Structures are given as structure tokens and as C-alpha cells.
Amino acid sequence: MSAKVLATTENMPYADWLELRKQGIGGSDASVVCGISRYKSPVELWMNKTGQLPDQEAGEAAYWGTQLEPFVRAEFTKRTGIEVRTVNQLLQSEEYPFMLANLDGICEVPDVGTCIFEAKTASAYKAGEWEDTIPDEYALQLAHYMAVTGYAGAYIAVLIGGNTFKWKFIERDEELISMLIELESAFWDHVQNCTPPPLDGSDASAKFLADRFCDSIPQSHITLPDTAVTLLAQYDEACEQLEIVTEQKQRAENLLKEMMGENEVGTAGDRIVTWKSMSQERLDSKTLKAEHPALCKKYTNKTSYRRFTVKAAS
């Protein structure tokens, strides 16, 4: 498998780069296509690729990740002795033209060959995700890059919390790459046919629906298709299971609290249990409204949302 240069990205305006990415699936899109992204659903990605959803501006984390990329690259070379060459190009797979790659760099490794280099930054809160492996979304990103380029491996380096530096070598996994190509091919068929992929049970899909259909039409009514009956049965079964599991969880918590008594910390095996006294201040909105109604009205914001319920027809 080999790649060709779709465009040179050096000094390319960010808006132009985003437009180019709509011509295919990039490495950061791989986890979304596979349905494991915590931030975006496959339907959102499909709408973006079909021009129905505008690109989101890069946030603070993405901005600082870009700014710190040269530092992460230099520190990797300093610690490993492996030189990294930057790649200011958007690559396109010749065999699967919908697969694109924007690499942070490449490096030559003895007995391995050309490898991908990827630089990351991460919050200290995510340190656990880098303990023994790398986050799944990055594993898929690197597999995607290896699928596009045909390279034998990849190095990923990360600066965690501004004071912890780690790197890891990821070998080419043909089974994972084959699965990824299959899933991305199916997704790109949806893009080309302008047919949305099915929704999943992720928080990203739920957020997408809440944003997409934020307001209901008062008193409007439709008859749902026959498939809704099956979905309602699944919904009811899940609610029953959730009630059972919730009760089991609460019972275990209650028994542990009974064992704790007035103690704040308890240990059992390799687990630590805490039951601490906490305090917080809350605004007494009821008293404020009664004694200072004008002030209360001035600083009260109205929000709206749609509540989902299922009940028996009367």
C-alpha cells in the first residue's frame, strides 16, 4: 500500500485544510467511524463530510497541542536519538482514495524501516490512560496512518500534565488495519450516497440529537414506524435491568457505609473506600424570590430542553 501527496500543507490557511479533509477520512476521524469517540458521533462526522454541519473551531487543548508539537518532537529525539522529519503534506491512499493522512512526522528505524511519528499532549487527569498502553482513539489513528502509508510501525510521544513525558512504539497490526478499512469503506459509502449511518448509544449521539432537534412543535403528533415497537421493547428491558443493577449498587454502597460507620477511609484488598464529610453553599432561590423578586428576575436565566418519556397509550 502506498500514498500520494494530495496537497502541501505548509503555510496553508486552516480553513483550506479543513475543506481538504472533507475529501476523505482523516486519522482523527477513525475513532468516530468506529463509534468509540467520546466527543463526536458517526452521524455528526457524516454531516460534516457532506457539508451539512460546519467545522468546529479548534479549542484550547487542540491549540496548545499544535503549539507544543515541536517541543514534543525535539524531546523525543533527545531521549531516543531517533531523528524525526516533519511532513507538511496531506497524503492520500492510492488504493483507498477516501483515506487521508496528515502526519506529524516520519523517522527511519534500523531493522524496521520508515515509521510514523505522532506527538500528543494530555491533561494530568488522563495520565491513567497512558499507564500501560495508549488511548484507543490514538491506536486507531496510528493504524489509519499505517493503512494509508504502508509503513511498518509508529512512534507516539506524549507530554502529560506539562511534566511527564512518555513514548511508545506501535507495531503494524494487519488485522486491525483490515477491520478499519472495512469500517471506513462502509462509512464513506454513506457519505457518497448521502445516506446517514445509523445512530448508536453513545453520549455523542445523544448530544447530537439534542442539538439537532432542540425544540419540539407544540401538540404535533406522528405515528412511528413498525420498527419502533421493537425499540420500545428493548427500551423497557433496559429500564428493568437498570433498575435491578441500580438497586444492587445501592445495596452494596449501603452495606459498605454501615461497615465504615464514622470512619472516613477504609481499605479492602487493593481498594480504598472513602466516605468524607463535605459542605457546600447553595443559593436559597425561594427566599430570594420572595424577598427580592426584581433582583431574582434580573439574574434568572431561562433554559429549555426536551424531556423523553415512554408510557402506555390511554
C-alpha atoms as a PDB file:
ATOM      1  CA  MET A   1       0.000   0.000   0.000  1.00  0.00           C
ATOM      2  CA  SER A   2       1.328   3.444  -0.876  1.00  0.00           C
ATOM      3  CA  ALA A   3       0.225   7.060  -0.670  1.00  0.00           C
ATOM      4  CA  LYS A   4       0.388  10.098  -2.922  1.00  0.00           C
ATOM      5  CA  VAL A   5       0.562  13.764  -1.964  1.00  0.00           C
ATOM      6  CA  LEU A   6      -2.896  15.338  -2.169  1.00  0.00           C
ATOM      7  CA  ALA A   7      -1.697  18.792  -1.111  1.00  0.00           C
ATOM      8  CA  THR A   8       1.203  20.631   0.521  1.00  0.00           C
ATOM      9  CA  THR A   9       0.045  21.967   3.884  1.00  0.00           C
ATOM     10  CA  GLU A  10       2.934  24.291   4.735  1.00  0.00           C
ATOM     11  CA  ASN A  11       1.505  27.793   5.303  1.00  0.00           C
ATOM     12  CA  MET A  12      -1.925  26.560   4.206  1.00  0.00           C
ATOM     13  CA  PRO A  13      -4.794  28.504   5.860  1.00  0.00           C
ATOM     14  CA  TYR A  14      -6.614  26.438   8.483  1.00  0.00           C
ATOM     15  CA  ALA A  15      -9.952  26.882   6.683  1.00  0.00           C
ATOM     16  CA  ASP A  16      -8.495  25.473   3.450  1.00  0.00           C
ATOM     17  CA  TRP A  17      -7.068  22.497   5.339  1.00  0.00           C
ATOM     18  CA  LEU A  18     -10.483  21.747   6.830  1.00  0.00           C
ATOM     19  CA  GLU A  19     -12.073  21.822   3.374  1.00  0.00           C
ATOM     20  CA  LEU A  20      -9.487  19.388   2.045  1.00  0.00           C
ATOM     21  CA  ARG A  21     -10.226  16.982   4.903  1.00  0.00           C
ATOM     22  CA  LYS A  22     -13.810  16.723   3.672  1.00  0.00           C
ATOM     23  CA  GLN A  23     -12.500  14.812   0.663  1.00  0.00           C
ATOM     24  CA  GLY A  24     -11.905  11.797   2.844  1.00  0.00           C
ATOM     25  CA  ILE A  25     -11.429  10.290   6.294  1.00  0.00           C
ATOM     26  CA  GLY A  26      -8.502  11.523   8.385  1.00  0.00           C
ATOM     27  CA  GLY A  27      -6.690   9.835  11.238  1.00  0.00           C
ATOM     28  CA  SER A  28      -8.600  11.692  13.946  1.00  0.00           C
ATOM     29  CA  ASP A  29     -11.847  10.580  12.267  1.00  0.00           C
ATOM     30  CA  ALA A  30     -11.034   6.872  12.661  1.00  0.00           C
ATOM     31  CA  SER A  31     -12.301   6.559  16.247  1.00  0.00           C
ATOM     32  CA  VAL A  32     -15.507   8.369  15.279  1.00  0.00           C
ATOM     33  CA  VAL A  33     -16.144   5.987  12.378  1.00  0.00           C
ATOM     34  CA  CYS A  34     -15.573   3.055  14.752  1.00  0.00           C
ATOM     35  CA  GLY A  35     -18.062   4.508  17.246  1.00  0.00           C
ATOM     36  CA  ILE A  36     -15.669   4.877  20.180  1.00  0.00           C
ATOM     37  CA  SER A  37     -15.171   8.648  20.175  1.00  0.00           C
ATOM     38  CA  ARG A  38     -16.183  10.404  23.383  1.00  0.00           C
ATOM     39  CA  TYR A  39     -16.722  13.679  21.595  1.00  0.00           C
ATOM     40  CA  LYS A  40     -18.373  13.062  18.224  1.00  0.00           C
ATOM     41  CA  SER A  41     -20.884  10.601  16.753  1.00  0.00           C
ATOM     42  CA  PRO A  42     -20.637   8.958  13.303  1.00  0.00           C
ATOM     43  CA  VAL A  43     -23.708  10.930  12.208  1.00  0.00           C
ATOM     44  CA  GLU A  44     -22.048  14.227  13.160  1.00  0.00           C
ATOM     45  CA  LEU A  45     -18.974  13.259  11.147  1.00  0.00           C
ATOM     46  CA  TRP A  46     -21.182  12.251   8.202  1.00  0.00           C
ATOM     47  CA  MET A  47     -22.952  15.616   8.304  1.00  0.00           C
ATOM     48  CA  ASN A  48     -19.605  17.396   8.345  1.00  0.00           C
ATOM     49  CA  LYS A  49     -18.258  15.406   5.399  1.00  0.00           C
ATOM     50  CA  THR A  50     -21.445  16.062   3.415  1.00  0.00           C
ATOM     51  CA  GLY A  51     -21.362  19.792   4.143  1.00  0.00           C
ATOM     52  CA  GLN A  52     -24.435  19.815   6.404  1.00  0.00           C
ATOM     53  CA  LEU A  53     -22.563  20.701   9.589  1.00  0.00           C
ATOM     54  CA  PRO A  54     -19.938  23.446   9.847  1.00  0.00           C
ATOM     55  CA  ASP A  55     -16.461  22.723  11.143  1.00  0.00           C
ATOM     56  CA  GLN A  56     -15.929  23.473  14.812  1.00  0.00           C
ATOM     57  CA  GLU A  57     -13.190  25.865  15.765  1.00  0.00           C
ATOM     58  CA  ALA A  58     -10.169  24.301  17.415  1.00  0.00           C
ATOM     59  CA  GLY A  59     -10.398  24.542  21.215  1.00  0.00           C
ATOM     60  CA  GLU A  60      -7.704  25.444  23.723  1.00  0.00           C
ATOM     61  CA  ALA A  61      -6.478  21.846  24.043  1.00  0.00           C
ATOM     62  CA  ALA A  62      -6.065  21.479  20.270  1.00  0.00           C
ATOM     63  CA  TYR A  63      -4.372  24.869  20.038  1.00  0.00           C
ATOM     64  CA  TRP A  64      -1.778  24.077  22.688  1.00  0.00           C
ATOM     65  CA  GLY A  65      -1.273  20.609  21.260  1.00  0.00           C
ATOM     66  CA  THR A  66      -0.244  22.223  17.973  1.00  0.00           C
ATOM     67  CA  GLN A  67       1.952  24.801  19.674  1.00  0.00           C
ATOM     68  CA  LEU A  68       3.780  22.161  21.735  1.00  0.00           C
ATOM     69  CA  GLU A  69       4.233  19.689  18.884  1.00  0.00           C
ATOM     70  CA  PRO A  70       7.787  20.894  18.025  1.00  0.00           C
ATOM     71  CA  PHE A  71       8.800  20.572  21.684  1.00  0.00           C
ATOM     72  CA  VAL A  72       7.419  17.010  21.941  1.00  0.00           C
ATOM     73  CA  ARG A  73       9.184  16.075  18.702  1.00  0.00           C
ATOM     74  CA  ALA A  74      12.522  17.541  19.887  1.00  0.00           C
ATOM     75  CA  GLU A  75      12.256  15.881  23.302  1.00  0.00           C
ATOM     76  CA  PHE A  76      11.541  12.519  21.656  1.00  0.00           C
ATOM     77  CA  THR A  77      14.719  12.841  19.570  1.00  0.00           C
ATOM     78  CA  LYS A  78      16.698  13.946  22.638  1.00  0.00           C
ATOM     79  CA  ARG A  79      15.623  10.911  24.651  1.00  0.00           C
ATOM     80  CA  THR A  80      15.712   8.254  21.914  1.00  0.00           C
ATOM     81  CA  GLY A  81      18.310   9.510  19.454  1.00  0.00           C
ATOM     82  CA  ILE A  82      15.787   8.970  16.640  1.00  0.00           C
ATOM     83  CA  GLU A  83      15.587  11.915  14.257  1.00  0.00           C
ATOM     84  CA  VAL A  84      12.112  12.977  13.120  1.00  0.00           C
ATOM     85  CA  ARG A  85      11.450  14.646   9.789  1.00  0.00           C
ATOM     86  CA  THR A  86       8.333  16.813   9.548  1.00  0.00           C
ATOM     87  CA  VAL A  87       5.831  16.110   6.777  1.00  0.00           C
ATOM     88  CA  ASN A  88       3.971  19.187   5.578  1.00  0.00           C
ATOM     89  CA  GLN A  89       1.717  17.224   3.257  1.00  0.00           C
ATOM     90  CA  LEU A  90      -1.771  15.779   3.208  1.00  0.00           C
ATOM     91  CA  LEU A  91      -1.366  12.210   1.998  1.00  0.00           C
ATOM     92  CA  GLN A  92      -3.963  10.117   0.201  1.00  0.00           C
ATOM     93  CA  SER A  93      -4.060   6.337  -0.102  1.00  0.00           C
ATOM     94  CA  GLU A  94      -3.759   5.216  -3.714  1.00  0.00           C
ATOM     95  CA  GLU A  95      -5.718   2.019  -3.058  1.00  0.00           C
ATOM     96  CA  TYR A  96      -8.400   3.650  -0.895  1.00  0.00           C
ATOM     97  CA  PRO A  97      -8.587   7.330  -2.000  1.00  0.00           C
ATOM     98  CA  PHE A  98     -11.045   8.223   0.784  1.00  0.00           C
ATOM     99  CA  MET A  99      -8.321   7.550   3.389  1.00  0.00           C
ATOM    100  CA  LEU A 100      -6.204  10.637   4.164  1.00  0.00           C
ATOM    101  CA  ALA A 101      -3.253  11.208   6.480  1.00  0.00           C
ATOM    102  CA  ASN A 102      -1.713  14.348   7.933  1.00  0.00           C
ATOM    103  CA  LEU A 103       1.425  13.112   9.719  1.00  0.00           C
ATOM    104  CA  ASP A 104       3.297  14.959  12.453  1.00  0.00           C
ATOM    105  CA  GLY A 105       6.478  13.388  11.129  1.00  0.00           C
ATOM    106  CA  ILE A 106       8.334  10.282   9.984  1.00  0.00           C
ATOM    107  CA  CYS A 107      11.508   8.610  11.195  1.00  0.00           C
ATOM    108  CA  GLU A 108      13.857   5.902   9.970  1.00  0.00           C
ATOM    109  CA  VAL A 109      14.381   2.997  12.352  1.00  0.00           C
ATOM    110  CA  PRO A 110      17.013   0.261  11.796  1.00  0.00           C
ATOM    111  CA  ASP A 111      15.549  -3.213  11.081  1.00  0.00           C
ATOM    112  CA  VAL A 112      12.056  -1.678  10.870  1.00  0.00           C
ATOM    113  CA  GLY A 113      12.134   0.951   8.133  1.00  0.00           C
ATOM    114  CA  THR A 114      10.151   4.144   7.830  1.00  0.00           C
ATOM    115  CA  CYS A 115       7.865   4.785  10.806  1.00  0.00           C
ATOM    116  CA  ILE A 116       5.222   7.365  11.624  1.00  0.00           C
ATOM    117  CA  PHE A 117       5.770   9.853  14.422  1.00  0.00           C
ATOM    118  CA  GLU A 118       2.815  11.312  16.309  1.00  0.00           C
ATOM    119  CA  ALA A 119       3.069  13.998  19.010  1.00  0.00           C
ATOM    120  CA  LYS A 120       0.404  14.408  21.699  1.00  0.00           C
ATOM    121  CA  THR A 121      -0.271  16.434  24.823  1.00  0.00           C
ATOM    122  CA  ALA A 122      -2.602  15.284  27.574  1.00  0.00           C
ATOM    123  CA  SER A 123      -4.098  16.612  30.782  1.00  0.00           C
ATOM    124  CA  ALA A 124      -2.792  15.222  34.057  1.00  0.00           C
ATOM    125  CA  TYR A 125      -6.318  13.884  34.628  1.00  0.00           C
ATOM    126  CA  LYS A 126      -5.777  11.490  31.708  1.00  0.00           C
ATOM    127  CA  ALA A 127      -2.453  10.115  32.951  1.00  0.00           C
ATOM    128  CA  GLY A 128      -4.081   6.757  33.724  1.00  0.00           C
ATOM    129  CA  GLU A 129      -4.964   6.282  30.064  1.00  0.00           C
ATOM    130  CA  TRP A 130      -1.242   6.265  29.231  1.00  0.00           C
ATOM    131  CA  GLU A 131      -0.137   3.971  32.057  1.00  0.00           C
ATOM    132  CA  ASP A 132       0.494   0.711  30.199  1.00  0.00           C
ATOM    133  CA  THR A 133      -0.790   1.441  26.713  1.00  0.00           C
ATOM    134  CA  ILE A 134      -2.187   4.315  24.649  1.00  0.00           C
ATOM    135  CA  PRO A 135      -5.804   5.503  24.376  1.00  0.00           C
ATOM    136  CA  ASP A 136      -7.877   3.518  21.863  1.00  0.00           C
ATOM    137  CA  GLU A 137      -8.607   6.567  19.689  1.00  0.00           C
ATOM    138  CA  TYR A 138      -4.883   7.099  19.153  1.00  0.00           C
ATOM    139  CA  ALA A 139      -4.282   3.419  18.415  1.00  0.00           C
ATOM    140  CA  LEU A 140      -6.900   3.687  15.659  1.00  0.00           C
ATOM    141  CA  GLN A 141      -5.395   6.944  14.406  1.00  0.00           C
ATOM    142  CA  LEU A 142      -1.983   5.306  14.025  1.00  0.00           C
ATOM    143  CA  ALA A 143      -3.488   2.213  12.392  1.00  0.00           C
ATOM    144  CA  HIS A 144      -5.230   4.530   9.926  1.00  0.00           C
ATOM    145  CA  TYR A 145      -1.932   6.272   9.120  1.00  0.00           C
ATOM    146  CA  MET A 146      -0.187   2.941   8.617  1.00  0.00           C
ATOM    147  CA  ALA A 147      -3.016   1.863   6.310  1.00  0.00           C
ATOM    148  CA  VAL A 148      -2.539   4.997   4.189  1.00  0.00           C
ATOM    149  CA  THR A 149       1.256   4.940   4.059  1.00  0.00           C
ATOM    150  CA  GLY A 150       2.067   1.246   4.261  1.00  0.00           C
ATOM    151  CA  TYR A 151       4.674   1.970   6.961  1.00  0.00           C
ATOM    152  CA  ALA A 152       5.691  -0.805   9.349  1.00  0.00           C
ATOM    153  CA  GLY A 153       5.225   0.981  12.660  1.00  0.00           C
ATOM    154  CA  ALA A 154       4.684   4.197  14.537  1.00  0.00           C
ATOM    155  CA  TYR A 155       6.113   6.086  17.483  1.00  0.00           C
ATOM    156  CA  ILE A 156       3.780   8.142  19.639  1.00  0.00           C
ATOM    157  CA  ALA A 157       5.142  10.591  22.216  1.00  0.00           C
ATOM    158  CA  VAL A 158       3.086  12.458  24.791  1.00  0.00           C
ATOM    159  CA  LEU A 159       3.617  15.255  27.293  1.00  0.00           C
ATOM    160  CA  ILE A 160       1.254  14.631  30.212  1.00  0.00           C
ATOM    161  CA  GLY A 161       0.297  17.437  32.552  1.00  0.00           C
ATOM    162  CA  GLY A 162       3.230  19.523  31.382  1.00  0.00           C
ATOM    163  CA  ASN A 163       5.734  17.495  33.433  1.00  0.00           C
ATOM    164  CA  THR A 164       5.607  13.825  32.398  1.00  0.00           C
ATOM    165  CA  PHE A 165       6.988  12.614  29.062  1.00  0.00           C
ATOM    166  CA  LYS A 166       6.342   9.166  27.590  1.00  0.00           C
ATOM    167  CA  TRP A 167       6.699   7.466  24.234  1.00  0.00           C
ATOM    168  CA  LYS A 168       5.728   4.099  22.814  1.00  0.00           C
ATOM    169  CA  PHE A 169       6.339   2.110  19.634  1.00  0.00           C
ATOM    170  CA  ILE A 170       3.260   0.618  17.951  1.00  0.00           C
ATOM    171  CA  GLU A 171       3.750  -2.263  15.527  1.00  0.00           C
ATOM    172  CA  ARG A 172       1.700  -2.572  12.371  1.00  0.00           C
ATOM    173  CA  ASP A 173      -1.365  -4.751  13.020  1.00  0.00           C
ATOM    174  CA  GLU A 174      -2.740  -6.112   9.750  1.00  0.00           C
ATOM    175  CA  GLU A 175      -5.917  -7.477  11.367  1.00  0.00           C
ATOM    176  CA  LEU A 176      -6.746  -4.103  12.923  1.00  0.00           C
ATOM    177  CA  ILE A 177      -5.955  -2.295   9.668  1.00  0.00           C
ATOM    178  CA  SER A 178      -8.219  -4.618   7.659  1.00  0.00           C
ATOM    179  CA  MET A 179     -11.075  -4.046  10.101  1.00  0.00           C
ATOM    180  CA  LEU A 180     -10.517  -0.289   9.940  1.00  0.00           C
ATOM    181  CA  ILE A 181     -10.521  -0.243   6.140  1.00  0.00           C
ATOM    182  CA  GLU A 182     -13.782  -2.188   6.107  1.00  0.00           C
ATOM    183  CA  LEU A 183     -15.488   0.179   8.559  1.00  0.00           C
ATOM    184  CA  GLU A 184     -14.188   3.306   6.844  1.00  0.00           C
ATOM    185  CA  SER A 185     -15.238   1.973   3.428  1.00  0.00           C
ATOM    186  CA  ALA A 186     -18.770   1.426   4.706  1.00  0.00           C
ATOM    187  CA  PHE A 187     -18.843   4.891   6.249  1.00  0.00           C
ATOM    188  CA  TRP A 188     -17.608   6.545   3.058  1.00  0.00           C
ATOM    189  CA  ASP A 189     -20.373   4.763   1.129  1.00  0.00           C
ATOM    190  CA  HIS A 190     -22.817   6.623   3.379  1.00  0.00           C
ATOM    191  CA  VAL A 191     -21.086   9.898   2.510  1.00  0.00           C
ATOM    192  CA  GLN A 192     -21.154   9.257  -1.225  1.00  0.00           C
ATOM    193  CA  ASN A 193     -24.772   8.044  -1.176  1.00  0.00           C
ATOM    194  CA  CYS A 194     -25.888  10.868   1.136  1.00  0.00           C
ATOM    195  CA  THR A 195     -27.488   8.318   3.473  1.00  0.00           C
ATOM    196  CA  PRO A 196     -26.754   8.808   7.199  1.00  0.00           C
ATOM    197  CA  PRO A 197     -25.118   6.000   9.180  1.00  0.00           C
ATOM    198  CA  PRO A 198     -27.211   4.504  11.984  1.00  0.00           C
ATOM    199  CA  LEU A 199     -27.149   6.202  15.383  1.00  0.00           C
ATOM    200  CA  ASP A 200     -25.501   4.415  18.291  1.00  0.00           C
ATOM    201  CA  GLY A 201     -25.876   4.565  22.058  1.00  0.00           C
ATOM    202  CA  SER A 202     -23.013   6.973  22.692  1.00  0.00           C
ATOM    203  CA  ASP A 203     -23.238  10.237  24.619  1.00  0.00           C
ATOM    204  CA  ALA A 204     -22.008  11.920  21.424  1.00  0.00           C
ATOM    205  CA  SER A 205     -25.081  10.666  19.537  1.00  0.00           C
ATOM    206  CA  ALA A 206     -27.383  11.792  22.352  1.00  0.00           C
ATOM    207  CA  LYS A 207     -25.807  15.258  22.311  1.00  0.00           C
ATOM    208  CA  PHE A 208     -26.115  15.400  18.530  1.00  0.00           C
ATOM    209  CA  LEU A 209     -29.857  14.659  18.699  1.00  0.00           C
ATOM    210  CA  ALA A 210     -30.390  17.205  21.484  1.00  0.00           C
ATOM    211  CA  ASP A 211     -28.623  19.874  19.442  1.00  0.00           C
ATOM    212  CA  ARG A 212     -30.175  18.875  16.118  1.00  0.00           C
ATOM    213  CA  PHE A 213     -33.771  18.727  17.362  1.00  0.00           C
ATOM    214  CA  CYS A 214     -33.613  21.150  20.261  1.00  0.00           C
ATOM    215  CA  ASP A 215     -37.262  22.329  20.077  1.00  0.00           C
ATOM    216  CA  SER A 216     -40.488  20.396  19.667  1.00  0.00           C
ATOM    217  CA  ILE A 217     -43.532  21.611  17.741  1.00  0.00           C
ATOM    218  CA  PRO A 218     -46.367  22.039  20.300  1.00  0.00           C
ATOM    219  CA  GLN A 219     -49.152  19.475  20.010  1.00  0.00           C
ATOM    220  CA  SER A 220     -47.543  17.827  16.958  1.00  0.00           C
ATOM    221  CA  HIS A 221     -48.072  14.079  16.587  1.00  0.00           C
ATOM    222  CA  ILE A 222     -46.820  11.319  14.300  1.00  0.00           C
ATOM    223  CA  THR A 223     -47.346   7.571  14.024  1.00  0.00           C
ATOM    224  CA  LEU A 224     -43.975   5.880  14.448  1.00  0.00           C
ATOM    225  CA  PRO A 225     -42.903   3.079  12.046  1.00  0.00           C
ATOM    226  CA  ASP A 226     -43.314  -0.595  12.975  1.00  0.00           C
ATOM    227  CA  THR A 227     -39.654  -0.840  13.995  1.00  0.00           C
ATOM    228  CA  ALA A 228     -40.456   1.444  16.935  1.00  0.00           C
ATOM    229  CA  VAL A 229     -42.261  -1.471  18.649  1.00  0.00           C
ATOM    230  CA  THR A 230     -39.023  -3.468  18.768  1.00  0.00           C
ATOM    231  CA  LEU A 231     -37.085  -0.470  20.032  1.00  0.00           C
ATOM    232  CA  LEU A 232     -39.650   0.148  22.764  1.00  0.00           C
ATOM    233  CA  ALA A 233     -39.323  -3.484  23.881  1.00  0.00           C
ATOM    234  CA  GLN A 234     -35.547  -3.017  24.058  1.00  0.00           C
ATOM    235  CA  TYR A 235     -36.032   0.231  25.973  1.00  0.00           C
ATOM    236  CA  ASP A 236     -38.346  -1.436  28.522  1.00  0.00           C
ATOM    237  CA  GLU A 237     -35.965  -4.343  29.033  1.00  0.00           C
ATOM    238  CA  ALA A 238     -33.018  -1.989  29.523  1.00  0.00           C
ATOM    239  CA  CYS A 239     -35.006   0.046  32.078  1.00  0.00           C
ATOM    240  CA  GLU A 240     -35.805  -3.114  34.039  1.00  0.00           C
ATOM    241  CA  GLN A 241     -32.157  -4.200  34.004  1.00  0.00           C
ATOM    242  CA  LEU A 242     -31.049  -0.710  35.003  1.00  0.00           C
ATOM    243  CA  GLU A 243     -33.437  -0.738  37.969  1.00  0.00           C
ATOM    244  CA  ILE A 244     -32.046  -4.082  39.138  1.00  0.00           C
ATOM    245  CA  VAL A 245     -28.419  -3.025  38.735  1.00  0.00           C
ATOM    246  CA  THR A 246     -29.075   0.338  40.411  1.00  0.00           C
ATOM    247  CA  GLU A 247     -30.643  -1.407  43.412  1.00  0.00           C
ATOM    248  CA  GLN A 248     -27.691  -3.818  43.633  1.00  0.00           C
ATOM    249  CA  LYS A 249     -25.239  -0.924  43.518  1.00  0.00           C
ATOM    250  CA  GLN A 250     -27.143   0.998  46.216  1.00  0.00           C
ATOM    251  CA  ARG A 251     -27.350  -2.066  48.462  1.00  0.00           C
ATOM    252  CA  ALA A 252     -23.586  -2.659  48.216  1.00  0.00           C
ATOM    253  CA  GLU A 253     -22.967   1.029  48.936  1.00  0.00           C
ATOM    254  CA  ASN A 254     -25.272   0.981  51.963  1.00  0.00           C
ATOM    255  CA  LEU A 255     -23.570  -2.104  53.436  1.00  0.00           C
ATOM    256  CA  LEU A 256     -20.130  -0.568  52.910  1.00  0.00           C
ATOM    257  CA  LYS A 257     -21.271   2.629  54.629  1.00  0.00           C
ATOM    258  CA  GLU A 258     -22.543   0.569  57.557  1.00  0.00           C
ATOM    259  CA  MET A 259     -19.103  -1.056  57.826  1.00  0.00           C
ATOM    260  CA  MET A 260     -17.410   2.365  57.643  1.00  0.00           C
ATOM    261  CA  GLY A 261     -19.502   3.882  60.431  1.00  0.00           C
ATOM    262  CA  GLU A 262     -17.918   7.213  61.431  1.00  0.00           C
ATOM    263  CA  ASN A 263     -14.582   6.392  59.782  1.00  0.00           C
ATOM    264  CA  GLU A 264     -13.573   8.410  56.730  1.00  0.00           C
ATOM    265  CA  VAL A 265     -11.290   5.878  54.981  1.00  0.00           C
ATOM    266  CA  GLY A 266     -11.453   2.114  54.722  1.00  0.00           C
ATOM    267  CA  THR A 267      -9.366  -0.468  52.853  1.00  0.00           C
ATOM    268  CA  ALA A 268     -10.321  -3.854  51.426  1.00  0.00           C
ATOM    269  CA  GLY A 269      -7.747  -5.803  49.442  1.00  0.00           C
ATOM    270  CA  ASP A 270      -6.227  -3.340  46.971  1.00  0.00           C
ATOM    271  CA  ARG A 271      -9.214  -0.958  47.119  1.00  0.00           C
ATOM    272  CA  ILE A 272      -9.623   2.253  49.119  1.00  0.00           C
ATOM    273  CA  VAL A 273     -13.093   3.373  50.191  1.00  0.00           C
ATOM    274  CA  THR A 274     -13.764   6.934  51.385  1.00  0.00           C
ATOM    275  CA  TRP A 275     -16.867   8.435  52.968  1.00  0.00           C
ATOM    276  CA  LYS A 276     -15.997  12.033  53.741  1.00  0.00           C
ATOM    277  CA  SER A 277     -17.977  14.862  55.249  1.00  0.00           C
ATOM    278  CA  MET A 278     -18.482  17.598  52.680  1.00  0.00           C
ATOM    279  CA  SER A 279     -20.002  21.063  52.837  1.00  0.00           C
ATOM    280  CA  GLN A 280     -21.183  23.469  50.173  1.00  0.00           C
ATOM    281  CA  GLU A 281     -23.068  26.710  49.866  1.00  0.00           C
ATOM    282  CA  ARG A 282     -26.284  26.930  47.869  1.00  0.00           C
ATOM    283  CA  LEU A 283     -28.359  29.904  46.858  1.00  0.00           C
ATOM    284  CA  ASP A 284     -31.752  29.936  48.578  1.00  0.00           C
ATOM    285  CA  SER A 285     -33.664  30.864  45.425  1.00  0.00           C
ATOM    286  CA  LYS A 286     -37.050  30.508  47.138  1.00  0.00           C
ATOM    287  CA  THR A 287     -36.221  33.125  49.812  1.00  0.00           C
ATOM    288  CA  LEU A 288     -34.529  35.382  47.252  1.00  0.00           C
ATOM    289  CA  LYS A 289     -37.596  35.300  45.026  1.00  0.00           C
ATOM    290  CA  ALA A 290     -39.878  36.117  47.963  1.00  0.00           C
ATOM    291  CA  GLU A 291     -37.800  38.968  49.434  1.00  0.00           C
ATOM    292  CA  HIS A 292     -36.171  40.402  46.276  1.00  0.00           C
ATOM    293  CA  PRO A 293     -38.358  39.411  43.288  1.00  0.00           C
ATOM    294  CA  ALA A 294     -36.948  42.061  40.916  1.00  0.00           C
ATOM    295  CA  LEU A 295     -33.358  41.070  41.667  1.00  0.00           C
ATOM    296  CA  CYS A 296     -34.210  37.405  41.304  1.00  0.00           C
ATOM    297  CA  LYS A 297     -35.840  38.025  37.905  1.00  0.00           C
ATOM    298  CA  LYS A 298     -32.844  40.048  36.700  1.00  0.00           C
ATOM    299  CA  TYR A 299     -30.400  37.234  37.348  1.00  0.00           C
ATOM    300  CA  THR A 300     -32.588  34.306  36.347  1.00  0.00           C
ATOM    301  CA  ASN A 301     -31.783  32.623  33.031  1.00  0.00           C
ATOM    302  CA  LYS A 302     -34.370  30.592  31.185  1.00  0.00           C
ATOM    303  CA  THR A 303     -33.182  27.331  29.670  1.00  0.00           C
ATOM    304  CA  SER A 304     -35.095  24.791  27.638  1.00  0.00           C
ATOM    305  CA  TYR A 305     -34.687  21.113  26.838  1.00  0.00           C
ATOM    306  CA  ARG A 306     -36.782  18.222  25.551  1.00  0.00           C
ATOM    307  CA  ARG A 307     -37.834  15.534  28.031  1.00  0.00           C
ATOM    308  CA  PHE A 308     -38.136  11.987  26.671  1.00  0.00           C
ATOM    309  CA  THR A 309     -40.817   9.736  28.242  1.00  0.00           C
ATOM    310  CA  VAL A 310     -42.470   6.439  27.364  1.00  0.00           C
ATOM    311  CA  LYS A 311     -45.887   5.490  28.767  1.00  0.00           C
ATOM    312  CA  ALA A 312     -48.893   3.375  27.906  1.00  0.00           C
ATOM    313  CA  ALA A 313     -51.397   4.918  25.496  1.00  0.00           C
ATOM    314  CA  SER A 314     -54.653   5.891  27.199  1.00  0.00           C
END
